[in-house]
Amino acid sequence: MDVLGTLPVWAQLLIAFLVAGVLIVMNLGWLIQARGWLDRQKQQRAAGPARTSTPRTGPTKSGGV
């Protein structure tokens, strides 16, 4: 079954342009997301070294007399 081969040329071109448009939009979204991530990383580095958090310990039972 050659579904795409039996379509008219204009329909094949339309499908090709639609697929290309979807791929371009997806790539632009990925690039915008990556740019935002890199900007956040840059701001964190400019703010100074990362704070090291000490692990929280809960109340301890004192065993003994």
Protein backbone atom coordinates (compact mmCIF):
# COMPACT_ATOMS: atom_id res chain seq x y z
CA MET A 1 0.00 0.00 0.00
CA ASP A 2 1.62 3.18 -1.17
CA VAL A 3 -0.67 5.75 0.42
CA LEU A 4 1.57 8.77 -0.07
CA GLY A 5 2.43 7.79 -3.62
CA THR A 6 -1.20 7.82 -4.70
CA LEU A 7 -1.84 11.32 -3.35
CA PRO A 8 -1.66 14.28 -5.71
CA VAL A 9 1.55 16.28 -5.69
CA TRP A 10 -0.08 19.27 -4.01
CA ALA A 11 -1.25 17.05 -1.13
CA GLN A 12 2.22 15.55 -0.74
CA LEU A 13 3.74 19.02 -0.60
CA LEU A 14 1.14 20.16 1.92
CA ILE A 15 1.90 17.19 4.19
CA ALA A 16 5.65 17.79 3.83
CA PHE A 17 5.27 21.48 4.79
CA LEU A 18 3.05 20.62 7.74
CA VAL A 19 5.55 18.06 9.04
CA ALA A 20 8.40 20.53 8.54
CA GLY A 21 6.46 23.20 10.41
CA VAL A 22 5.82 20.88 13.34
CA LEU A 23 9.50 19.95 13.52
CA ILE A 24 10.58 23.60 13.39
CA VAL A 25 8.16 24.56 16.17
CA MET A 26 9.37 21.67 18.32
CA ASN A 27 13.00 22.66 17.80
CA LEU A 28 12.28 26.30 18.62
CA GLY A 29 10.54 25.24 21.81
CA TRP A 30 13.52 23.11 22.78
CA LEU A 31 15.92 25.98 22.08
CA ILE A 32 13.87 28.44 24.14
CA GLN A 33 13.75 25.97 27.02
CA ALA A 34 17.50 25.37 26.84
CA ARG A 35 18.18 29.11 26.77
CA GLY A 36 16.07 29.62 29.90
CA TRP A 37 17.87 26.78 31.65
CA LEU A 38 21.27 28.27 30.76
CA ASP A 39 20.17 31.72 31.96
CA ARG A 40 19.13 30.23 35.32
CA GLN A 41 22.47 28.46 35.59
CA LYS A 42 24.29 31.72 34.85
CA GLN A 43 22.29 33.57 37.51
CA GLN A 44 23.01 30.89 40.08
CA ARG A 45 26.74 31.03 39.34
CA ALA A 46 26.72 34.83 39.57
CA ALA A 47 24.95 34.69 42.94
CA GLY A 48 27.90 32.87 44.46
CA PRO A 49 28.67 29.36 45.54
CA ALA A 50 25.74 27.13 46.19
CA ARG A 51 24.64 26.89 49.78
CA THR A 52 25.29 23.55 51.30
CA SER A 53 22.38 22.45 53.38
CA THR A 54 22.95 20.42 56.50
CA PRO A 55 20.78 17.35 56.79
CA ARG A 56 17.98 17.74 59.26
CA THR A 57 17.85 15.26 62.05
CA GLY A 58 14.72 14.51 63.94
CA PRO A 59 14.42 14.31 67.69
CA THR A 60 16.52 11.52 69.11
CA LYS A 61 15.54 9.19 71.90
CA SER A 62 17.88 9.23 74.77
CA GLY A 63 18.41 5.73 75.93
CA GLY A 64 19.56 5.11 79.41
CA VAL A 65 18.73 5.76 82.96
